[in-house]
Amino acid sequence: MDVWIVINPILKVLLYAASFLSVGSFFFSLHFAKHLTVAQNEYCNALAFKAAFVGVVCWLLVEESCGLLRSNSVFARGGATCWLTSGRLVRADR
């Protein structure tokens, strides 16, 4: 069993959570900008930045895992085709 088959769904959940947290904290600080203190605004901005960073790292790992699952090569790149398989990971040799 390939380890990426287990790790890939976990990474996707982390990616979705990080995206929701980043966009949500941005819109929260945008909507309540008049009512937030400077410390609260800085906290929302720091939270959005950290969530965006985690999202980018998860996205890079998901893309790499799709490439590894399809070609069994470390140097292969997944690209957007892995996202278009409706949740299934398709190997190139099948």
PDB file of N, CA and C in Angstrom:
ATOM      1  N   MET A   1       0.840  -1.185   0.000  1.00  0.00           N
ATOM      2  CA  MET A   1       0.000   0.000   0.000  1.00  0.00           C
ATOM      3  C   MET A   1       0.878   1.238   0.000  1.00  0.00           C
ATOM      4  N   ASP A   2       0.561   2.129  -0.861  1.00  0.00           N
ATOM      5  CA  ASP A   2       1.323   3.359  -0.961  1.00  0.00           C
ATOM      6  C   ASP A   2       0.900   4.311   0.163  1.00  0.00           C
ATOM      7  N   VAL A   3       1.849   4.977   0.772  1.00  0.00           N
ATOM      8  CA  VAL A   3       1.574   5.846   1.915  1.00  0.00           C
ATOM      9  C   VAL A   3       0.796   7.086   1.488  1.00  0.00           C
ATOM     10  N   TRP A   4       0.934   7.511   0.242  1.00  0.00           N
ATOM     11  CA  TRP A   4       0.239   8.713  -0.212  1.00  0.00           C
ATOM     12  C   TRP A   4      -1.261   8.501  -0.325  1.00  0.00           C
ATOM     13  N   ILE A   5      -1.691   7.258  -0.477  1.00  0.00           N
ATOM     14  CA  ILE A   5      -3.125   6.979  -0.539  1.00  0.00           C
ATOM     15  C   ILE A   5      -3.784   7.319   0.792  1.00  0.00           C
ATOM     16  N   VAL A   6      -3.066   7.165   1.885  1.00  0.00           N
ATOM     17  CA  VAL A   6      -3.590   7.503   3.204  1.00  0.00           C
ATOM     18  C   VAL A   6      -3.397   8.989   3.503  1.00  0.00           C
ATOM     19  N   ILE A   7      -2.267   9.538   3.105  1.00  0.00           N
ATOM     20  CA  ILE A   7      -1.932  10.918   3.448  1.00  0.00           C
ATOM     21  C   ILE A   7      -2.717  11.921   2.603  1.00  0.00           C
ATOM     22  N   ASN A   8      -3.020  11.596   1.359  1.00  0.00           N
ATOM     23  CA  ASN A   8      -3.663  12.545   0.455  1.00  0.00           C
ATOM     24  C   ASN A   8      -5.032  13.024   0.956  1.00  0.00           C
ATOM     25  N   PRO A   9      -5.938  12.162   1.417  1.00  0.00           N
ATOM     26  CA  PRO A   9      -7.213  12.686   1.946  1.00  0.00           C
ATOM     27  C   PRO A   9      -7.034  13.552   3.192  1.00  0.00           C
ATOM     28  N   ILE A  10      -6.076  13.223   4.031  1.00  0.00           N
ATOM     29  CA  ILE A  10      -5.809  14.036   5.217  1.00  0.00           C
ATOM     30  C   ILE A  10      -5.307  15.412   4.798  1.00  0.00           C
ATOM     31  N   LEU A  11      -4.432  15.454   3.809  1.00  0.00           N
ATOM     32  CA  LEU A  11      -3.934  16.735   3.314  1.00  0.00           C
ATOM     33  C   LEU A  11      -5.046  17.570   2.693  1.00  0.00           C
ATOM     34  N   LYS A  12      -5.965  16.923   1.989  1.00  0.00           N
ATOM     35  CA  LYS A  12      -7.069  17.664   1.377  1.00  0.00           C
ATOM     36  C   LYS A  12      -7.977  18.271   2.437  1.00  0.00           C
ATOM     37  N   VAL A  13      -8.243  17.536   3.523  1.00  0.00           N
ATOM     38  CA  VAL A  13      -9.060  18.085   4.607  1.00  0.00           C
ATOM     39  C   VAL A  13      -8.346  19.258   5.257  1.00  0.00           C
ATOM     40  N   LEU A  14      -7.032  19.132   5.480  1.00  0.00           N
ATOM     41  CA  LEU A  14      -6.267  20.243   6.037  1.00  0.00           C
ATOM     42  C   LEU A  14      -6.265  21.450   5.094  1.00  0.00           C
ATOM     43  N   LEU A  15      -6.188  21.191   3.804  1.00  0.00           N
ATOM     44  CA  LEU A  15      -6.221  22.275   2.817  1.00  0.00           C
ATOM     45  C   LEU A  15      -7.554  23.010   2.847  1.00  0.00           C
ATOM     46  N   TYR A  16      -8.658  22.261   2.904  1.00  0.00           N
ATOM     47  CA  TYR A  16      -9.974  22.892   2.953  1.00  0.00           C
ATOM     48  C   TYR A  16     -10.150  23.675   4.253  1.00  0.00           C
ATOM     49  N   ALA A  17      -9.690  23.129   5.368  1.00  0.00           N
ATOM     50  CA  ALA A  17      -9.809  23.827   6.650  1.00  0.00           C
ATOM     51  C   ALA A  17      -8.963  25.098   6.657  1.00  0.00           C
ATOM     52  N   ALA A  18      -7.761  25.031   6.116  1.00  0.00           N
ATOM     53  CA  ALA A  18      -6.901  26.211   6.070  1.00  0.00           C
ATOM     54  C   ALA A  18      -7.490  27.279   5.154  1.00  0.00           C
ATOM     55  N   SER A  19      -8.080  26.865   4.051  1.00  0.00           N
ATOM     56  CA  SER A  19      -8.718  27.828   3.145  1.00  0.00           C
ATOM     57  C   SER A  19      -9.908  28.512   3.819  1.00  0.00           C
ATOM     58  N   PHE A  20     -10.722  27.718   4.503  1.00  0.00           N
ATOM     59  CA  PHE A  20     -11.879  28.271   5.203  1.00  0.00           C
ATOM     60  C   PHE A  20     -11.439  29.236   6.298  1.00  0.00           C
ATOM     61  N   LEU A  21     -10.405  28.867   7.051  1.00  0.00           N
ATOM     62  CA  LEU A  21      -9.917  29.714   8.129  1.00  0.00           C
ATOM     63  C   LEU A  21      -9.299  31.004   7.597  1.00  0.00           C
ATOM     64  N   SER A  22      -8.546  30.911   6.537  1.00  0.00           N
ATOM     65  CA  SER A  22      -7.909  32.094   5.970  1.00  0.00           C
ATOM     66  C   SER A  22      -8.933  33.066   5.402  1.00  0.00           C
ATOM     67  N   VAL A  23      -9.836  32.572   4.588  1.00  0.00           N
ATOM     68  CA  VAL A  23     -10.846  33.439   3.976  1.00  0.00           C
ATOM     69  C   VAL A  23     -11.825  33.945   5.040  1.00  0.00           C
ATOM     70  N   GLY A  24     -12.187  33.084   5.979  1.00  0.00           N
ATOM     71  CA  GLY A  24     -13.112  33.489   7.030  1.00  0.00           C
ATOM     72  C   GLY A  24     -12.549  34.571   7.929  1.00  0.00           C
ATOM     73  N   SER A  25     -11.302  34.449   8.317  1.00  0.00           N
ATOM     74  CA  SER A  25     -10.718  35.485   9.173  1.00  0.00           C
ATOM     75  C   SER A  25     -10.524  36.793   8.405  1.00  0.00           C
ATOM     76  N   PHE A  26     -10.248  36.694   7.106  1.00  0.00           N
ATOM     77  CA  PHE A  26     -10.144  37.909   6.298  1.00  0.00           C
ATOM     78  C   PHE A  26     -11.488  38.637   6.226  1.00  0.00           C
ATOM     79  N   PHE A  27     -12.549  37.886   5.918  1.00  0.00           N
ATOM     80  CA  PHE A  27     -13.865  38.524   5.828  1.00  0.00           C
ATOM     81  C   PHE A  27     -14.366  38.997   7.196  1.00  0.00           C
ATOM     82  N   PHE A  28     -14.016  38.273   8.264  1.00  0.00           N
ATOM     83  CA  PHE A  28     -14.395  38.710   9.600  1.00  0.00           C
ATOM     84  C   PHE A  28     -13.752  40.053   9.937  1.00  0.00           C
ATOM     85  N   SER A  29     -12.465  40.162   9.668  1.00  0.00           N
ATOM     86  CA  SER A  29     -11.786  41.428   9.964  1.00  0.00           C
ATOM     87  C   SER A  29     -12.247  42.542   9.027  1.00  0.00           C
ATOM     88  N   LEU A  30     -12.624  42.199   7.803  1.00  0.00           N
ATOM     89  CA  LEU A  30     -13.141  43.196   6.876  1.00  0.00           C
ATOM     90  C   LEU A  30     -14.528  43.693   7.301  1.00  0.00           C
ATOM     91  N   HIS A  31     -15.369  42.769   7.738  1.00  0.00           N
ATOM     92  CA  HIS A  31     -16.735  43.112   8.103  1.00  0.00           C
ATOM     93  C   HIS A  31     -16.795  43.890   9.430  1.00  0.00           C
ATOM     94  N   PHE A  32     -16.002  43.456  10.403  1.00  0.00           N
ATOM     95  CA  PHE A  32     -16.034  44.082  11.722  1.00  0.00           C
ATOM     96  C   PHE A  32     -14.864  45.036  11.945  1.00  0.00           C
ATOM     97  N   ALA A  33     -14.362  45.640  10.911  1.00  0.00           N
ATOM     98  CA  ALA A  33     -13.179  46.494  11.026  1.00  0.00           C
ATOM     99  C   ALA A  33     -13.413  47.678  11.957  1.00  0.00           C
ATOM    100  N   LYS A  34     -14.620  48.222  11.961  1.00  0.00           N
ATOM    101  CA  LYS A  34     -14.907  49.378  12.810  1.00  0.00           C
ATOM    102  C   LYS A  34     -14.978  49.021  14.294  1.00  0.00           C
ATOM    103  N   HIS A  35     -15.288  47.764  14.576  1.00  0.00           N
ATOM    104  CA  HIS A  35     -15.512  47.360  15.961  1.00  0.00           C
ATOM    105  C   HIS A  35     -14.317  46.646  16.590  1.00  0.00           C
ATOM    106  N   LEU A  36     -13.302  46.325  15.815  1.00  0.00           N
ATOM    107  CA  LEU A  36     -12.145  45.595  16.331  1.00  0.00           C
ATOM    108  C   LEU A  36     -11.090  46.561  16.859  1.00  0.00           C
ATOM    109  N   THR A  37     -10.416  46.107  17.910  1.00  0.00           N
ATOM    110  CA  THR A  37      -9.269  46.873  18.392  1.00  0.00           C
ATOM    111  C   THR A  37      -8.067  46.561  17.510  1.00  0.00           C
ATOM    112  N   VAL A  38      -6.996  47.274  17.728  1.00  0.00           N
ATOM    113  CA  VAL A  38      -5.783  47.053  16.934  1.00  0.00           C
ATOM    114  C   VAL A  38      -5.238  45.649  17.188  1.00  0.00           C
ATOM    115  N   ALA A  39      -5.262  45.208  18.442  1.00  0.00           N
ATOM    116  CA  ALA A  39      -4.757  43.870  18.772  1.00  0.00           C
ATOM    117  C   ALA A  39      -5.596  42.777  18.124  1.00  0.00           C
ATOM    118  N   GLN A  40      -6.907  42.945  18.118  1.00  0.00           N
ATOM    119  CA  GLN A  40      -7.781  41.964  17.486  1.00  0.00           C
ATOM    120  C   GLN A  40      -7.584  41.931  15.973  1.00  0.00           C
ATOM    121  N   ASN A  41      -7.389  43.088  15.387  1.00  0.00           N
ATOM    122  CA  ASN A  41      -7.151  43.157  13.948  1.00  0.00           C
ATOM    123  C   ASN A  41      -5.824  42.502  13.582  1.00  0.00           C
ATOM    124  N   GLU A  42      -4.793  42.735  14.381  1.00  0.00           N
ATOM    125  CA  GLU A  42      -3.504  42.087  14.145  1.00  0.00           C
ATOM    126  C   GLU A  42      -3.605  40.575  14.310  1.00  0.00           C
ATOM    127  N   TYR A  43      -4.387  40.127  15.285  1.00  0.00           N
ATOM    128  CA  TYR A  43      -4.581  38.688  15.480  1.00  0.00           C
ATOM    129  C   TYR A  43      -5.273  38.066  14.272  1.00  0.00           C
ATOM    130  N   CYS A  44      -6.311  38.719  13.753  1.00  0.00           N
ATOM    131  CA  CYS A  44      -7.007  38.200  12.574  1.00  0.00           C
ATOM    132  C   CYS A  44      -6.081  38.151  11.357  1.00  0.00           C
ATOM    133  N   ASN A  45      -5.263  39.177  11.196  1.00  0.00           N
ATOM    134  CA  ASN A  45      -4.324  39.181  10.077  1.00  0.00           C
ATOM    135  C   ASN A  45      -3.270  38.093  10.222  1.00  0.00           C
ATOM    136  N   ALA A  46      -2.766  37.895  11.443  1.00  0.00           N
ATOM    137  CA  ALA A  46      -1.772  36.837  11.671  1.00  0.00           C
ATOM    138  C   ALA A  46      -2.385  35.457  11.458  1.00  0.00           C
ATOM    139  N   LEU A  47      -3.631  35.280  11.892  1.00  0.00           N
ATOM    140  CA  LEU A  47      -4.313  34.005  11.698  1.00  0.00           C
ATOM    141  C   LEU A  47      -4.537  33.719  10.220  1.00  0.00           C
ATOM    142  N   ALA A  48      -4.930  34.733   9.468  1.00  0.00           N
ATOM    143  CA  ALA A  48      -5.129  34.558   8.029  1.00  0.00           C
ATOM    144  C   ALA A  48      -3.813  34.219   7.335  1.00  0.00           C
ATOM    145  N   PHE A  49      -2.714  34.868   7.749  1.00  0.00           N
ATOM    146  CA  PHE A  49      -1.420  34.583   7.140  1.00  0.00           C
ATOM    147  C   PHE A  49      -0.960  33.169   7.454  1.00  0.00           C
ATOM    148  N   LYS A  50      -1.104  32.742   8.712  1.00  0.00           N
ATOM    149  CA  LYS A  50      -0.689  31.377   9.078  1.00  0.00           C
ATOM    150  C   LYS A  50      -1.526  30.323   8.359  1.00  0.00           C
ATOM    151  N   ALA A  51      -2.832  30.553   8.272  1.00  0.00           N
ATOM    152  CA  ALA A  51      -3.700  29.603   7.581  1.00  0.00           C
ATOM    153  C   ALA A  51      -3.379  29.548   6.090  1.00  0.00           C
ATOM    154  N   ALA A  52      -3.075  30.697   5.499  1.00  0.00           N
ATOM    155  CA  ALA A  52      -2.707  30.712   4.082  1.00  0.00           C
ATOM    156  C   ALA A  52      -1.397  29.973   3.847  1.00  0.00           C
ATOM    157  N   PHE A  53      -0.438  30.131   4.765  1.00  0.00           N
ATOM    158  CA  PHE A  53       0.835  29.420   4.639  1.00  0.00           C
ATOM    159  C   PHE A  53       0.628  27.910   4.748  1.00  0.00           C
ATOM    160  N   VAL A  54      -0.180  27.476   5.713  1.00  0.00           N
ATOM    161  CA  VAL A  54      -0.478  26.042   5.853  1.00  0.00           C
ATOM    162  C   VAL A  54      -1.197  25.535   4.606  1.00  0.00           C
ATOM    163  N   GLY A  55      -2.094  26.339   4.050  1.00  0.00           N
ATOM    164  CA  GLY A  55      -2.799  25.947   2.831  1.00  0.00           C
ATOM    165  C   GLY A  55      -1.872  25.774   1.642  1.00  0.00           C
ATOM    166  N   VAL A  56      -0.908  26.666   1.507  1.00  0.00           N
ATOM    167  CA  VAL A  56       0.047  26.553   0.394  1.00  0.00           C
ATOM    168  C   VAL A  56       0.912  25.304   0.559  1.00  0.00           C
ATOM    169  N   VAL A  57       1.354  25.035   1.767  1.00  0.00           N
ATOM    170  CA  VAL A  57       2.169  23.835   2.017  1.00  0.00           C
ATOM    171  C   VAL A  57       1.354  22.571   1.734  1.00  0.00           C
ATOM    172  N   CYS A  58       0.100  22.535   2.195  1.00  0.00           N
ATOM    173  CA  CYS A  58      -0.753  21.375   1.924  1.00  0.00           C
ATOM    174  C   CYS A  58      -1.016  21.220   0.435  1.00  0.00           C
ATOM    175  N   TRP A  59      -1.225  22.334  -0.260  1.00  0.00           N
ATOM    176  CA  TRP A  59      -1.464  22.262  -1.702  1.00  0.00           C
ATOM    177  C   TRP A  59      -0.248  21.687  -2.426  1.00  0.00           C
ATOM    178  N   LEU A  60       0.940  22.128  -2.052  1.00  0.00           N
ATOM    179  CA  LEU A  60       2.149  21.604  -2.684  1.00  0.00           C
ATOM    180  C   LEU A  60       2.309  20.113  -2.420  1.00  0.00           C
ATOM    181  N   LEU A  61       2.013  19.673  -1.208  1.00  0.00           N
ATOM    182  CA  LEU A  61       2.114  18.247  -0.895  1.00  0.00           C
ATOM    183  C   LEU A  61       1.057  17.430  -1.627  1.00  0.00           C
ATOM    184  N   VAL A  62      -0.152  17.958  -1.766  1.00  0.00           N
ATOM    185  CA  VAL A  62      -1.197  17.244  -2.508  1.00  0.00           C
ATOM    186  C   VAL A  62      -0.814  17.126  -3.978  1.00  0.00           C
ATOM    187  N   GLU A  63      -0.306  18.198  -4.547  1.00  0.00           N
ATOM    188  CA  GLU A  63       0.109  18.138  -5.953  1.00  0.00           C
ATOM    189  C   GLU A  63       1.248  17.141  -6.151  1.00  0.00           C
ATOM    190  N   GLU A  64       2.190  17.127  -5.227  1.00  0.00           N
ATOM    191  CA  GLU A  64       3.299  16.173  -5.337  1.00  0.00           C
ATOM    192  C   GLU A  64       2.814  14.744  -5.157  1.00  0.00           C
ATOM    193  N   SER A  65       1.871  14.531  -4.248  1.00  0.00           N
ATOM    194  CA  SER A  65       1.375  13.174  -4.037  1.00  0.00           C
ATOM    195  C   SER A  65       0.605  12.679  -5.245  1.00  0.00           C
ATOM    196  N   CYS A  66      -0.105  13.552  -5.938  1.00  0.00           N
ATOM    197  CA  CYS A  66      -0.812  13.134  -7.155  1.00  0.00           C
ATOM    198  C   CYS A  66       0.176  12.721  -8.236  1.00  0.00           C
ATOM    199  N   GLY A  67       1.251  13.458  -8.355  1.00  0.00           N
ATOM    200  CA  GLY A  67       2.274  13.096  -9.335  1.00  0.00           C
ATOM    201  C   GLY A  67       2.956  11.793  -8.986  1.00  0.00           C
ATOM    202  N   LEU A  68       3.210  11.568  -7.712  1.00  0.00           N
ATOM    203  CA  LEU A  68       3.850  10.319  -7.305  1.00  0.00           C
ATOM    204  C   LEU A  68       2.927   9.133  -7.484  1.00  0.00           C
ATOM    205  N   LEU A  69       1.647   9.317  -7.252  1.00  0.00           N
ATOM    206  CA  LEU A  69       0.708   8.211  -7.411  1.00  0.00           C
ATOM    207  C   LEU A  69       0.507   7.840  -8.873  1.00  0.00           C
ATOM    208  N   ARG A  70       0.583   8.810  -9.751  1.00  0.00           N
ATOM    209  CA  ARG A  70       0.332   8.515 -11.154  1.00  0.00           C
ATOM    210  C   ARG A  70       1.537   7.962 -11.888  1.00  0.00           C
ATOM    211  N   SER A  71       2.739   8.341 -11.493  1.00  0.00           N
ATOM    212  CA  SER A  71       3.872   7.909 -12.301  1.00  0.00           C
ATOM    213  C   SER A  71       4.951   7.171 -11.522  1.00  0.00           C
ATOM    214  N   ASN A  72       4.847   7.104 -10.207  1.00  0.00           N
ATOM    215  CA  ASN A  72       5.846   6.457  -9.358  1.00  0.00           C
ATOM    216  C   ASN A  72       7.231   7.069  -9.543  1.00  0.00           C
ATOM    217  N   SER A  73       7.289   8.333  -9.831  1.00  0.00           N
ATOM    218  CA  SER A  73       8.547   9.025 -10.004  1.00  0.00           C
ATOM    219  C   SER A  73       8.563  10.249  -9.112  1.00  0.00           C
ATOM    220  N   VAL A  74       9.688  10.490  -8.471  1.00  0.00           N
ATOM    221  CA  VAL A  74       9.814  11.623  -7.575  1.00  0.00           C
ATOM    222  C   VAL A  74       9.780  12.927  -8.360  1.00  0.00           C
ATOM    223  N   PHE A  75      10.219  12.926  -9.588  1.00  0.00           N
ATOM    224  CA  PHE A  75      10.330  14.145 -10.372  1.00  0.00           C
ATOM    225  C   PHE A  75       9.075  14.458 -11.184  1.00  0.00           C
ATOM    226  N   ALA A  76       8.043  13.638 -11.096  1.00  0.00           N
ATOM    227  CA  ALA A  76       6.813  13.886 -11.850  1.00  0.00           C
ATOM    228  C   ALA A  76       5.971  14.928 -11.136  1.00  0.00           C
ATOM    229  N   ARG A  77       5.270  15.717 -11.900  1.00  0.00           N
ATOM    230  CA  ARG A  77       4.397  16.742 -11.317  1.00  0.00           C
ATOM    231  C   ARG A  77       2.955  16.335 -11.557  1.00  0.00           C
ATOM    232  N   GLY A  78       2.114  16.550 -10.563  1.00  0.00           N
ATOM    233  CA  GLY A  78       0.716  16.145 -10.638  1.00  0.00           C
ATOM    234  C   GLY A  78      -0.123  17.019 -11.539  1.00  0.00           C
ATOM    235  N   GLY A  79      -0.033  18.316 -11.386  1.00  0.00           N
ATOM    236  CA  GLY A  79      -0.845  19.206 -12.182  1.00  0.00           C
ATOM    237  C   GLY A  79      -2.304  19.173 -11.751  1.00  0.00           C
ATOM    238  N   ALA A  80      -3.131  19.834 -12.509  1.00  0.00           N
ATOM    239  CA  ALA A  80      -4.540  19.958 -12.152  1.00  0.00           C
ATOM    240  C   ALA A  80      -5.346  18.727 -12.519  1.00  0.00           C
ATOM    241  N   THR A  81      -4.782  17.773 -13.253  1.00  0.00           N
ATOM    242  CA  THR A  81      -5.563  16.621 -13.682  1.00  0.00           C
ATOM    243  C   THR A  81      -5.939  15.726 -12.520  1.00  0.00           C
ATOM    244  N   CYS A  82      -5.181  15.737 -11.449  1.00  0.00           N
ATOM    245  CA  CYS A  82      -5.532  14.902 -10.313  1.00  0.00           C
ATOM    246  C   CYS A  82      -6.807  15.400  -9.643  1.00  0.00           C
ATOM    247  N   TRP A  83      -7.055  16.697  -9.681  1.00  0.00           N
ATOM    248  CA  TRP A  83      -8.263  17.248  -9.073  1.00  0.00           C
ATOM    249  C   TRP A  83      -9.492  16.953  -9.923  1.00  0.00           C
ATOM    250  N   LEU A  84      -9.309  16.635 -11.187  1.00  0.00           N
ATOM    251  CA  LEU A  84     -10.429  16.422 -12.085  1.00  0.00           C
ATOM    252  C   LEU A  84     -10.900  14.976 -12.127  1.00  0.00           C
ATOM    253  N   THR A  85     -10.395  14.130 -11.252  1.00  0.00           N
ATOM    254  CA  THR A  85     -10.769  12.722 -11.263  1.00  0.00           C
ATOM    255  C   THR A  85     -11.896  12.440 -10.287  1.00  0.00           C
ATOM    256  N   SER A  86     -12.620  13.453  -9.856  1.00  0.00           N
ATOM    257  CA  SER A  86     -13.786  13.363  -8.967  1.00  0.00           C
ATOM    258  C   SER A  86     -13.480  12.577  -7.694  1.00  0.00           C
ATOM    259  N   GLY A  87     -12.372  12.891  -7.059  1.00  0.00           N
ATOM    260  CA  GLY A  87     -12.038  12.287  -5.782  1.00  0.00           C
ATOM    261  C   GLY A  87     -11.244  11.002  -5.886  1.00  0.00           C
ATOM    262  N   ARG A  88     -11.143  10.425  -7.062  1.00  0.00           N
ATOM    263  CA  ARG A  88     -10.393   9.191  -7.230  1.00  0.00           C
ATOM    264  C   ARG A  88      -8.993   9.520  -7.705  1.00  0.00           C
ATOM    265  N   LEU A  89      -8.031   8.748  -7.250  1.00  0.00           N
ATOM    266  CA  LEU A  89      -6.670   8.906  -7.746  1.00  0.00           C
ATOM    267  C   LEU A  89      -6.439   7.844  -8.818  1.00  0.00           C
ATOM    268  N   VAL A  90      -6.080   8.286  -9.987  1.00  0.00           N
ATOM    269  CA  VAL A  90      -5.923   7.400 -11.128  1.00  0.00           C
ATOM    270  C   VAL A  90      -4.447   7.237 -11.425  1.00  0.00           C
ATOM    271  N   ARG A  91      -4.002   6.013 -11.491  1.00  0.00           N
ATOM    272  CA  ARG A  91      -2.605   5.745 -11.811  1.00  0.00           C
ATOM    273  C   ARG A  91      -2.437   5.717 -13.325  1.00  0.00           C
ATOM    274  N   ALA A  92      -1.253   6.102 -13.771  1.00  0.00           N
ATOM    275  CA  ALA A  92      -0.988   6.177 -15.215  1.00  0.00           C
ATOM    276  C   ALA A  92      -0.897   4.801 -15.849  1.00  0.00           C
ATOM    277  N   ASP A  93      -0.551   3.764 -15.085  1.00  0.00           N
ATOM    278  CA  ASP A  93      -0.333   2.436 -15.665  1.00  0.00           C
ATOM    279  C   ASP A  93      -1.624   1.627 -15.764  1.00  0.00           C
ATOM    280  N   ARG A  94      -2.754   2.188 -15.381  1.00  0.00           N
ATOM    281  CA  ARG A  94      -4.010   1.432 -15.475  1.00  0.00           C
ATOM    282  C   ARG A  94      -4.789   1.811 -16.692  1.00  0.00           C
TER     283      ARG A  94
END
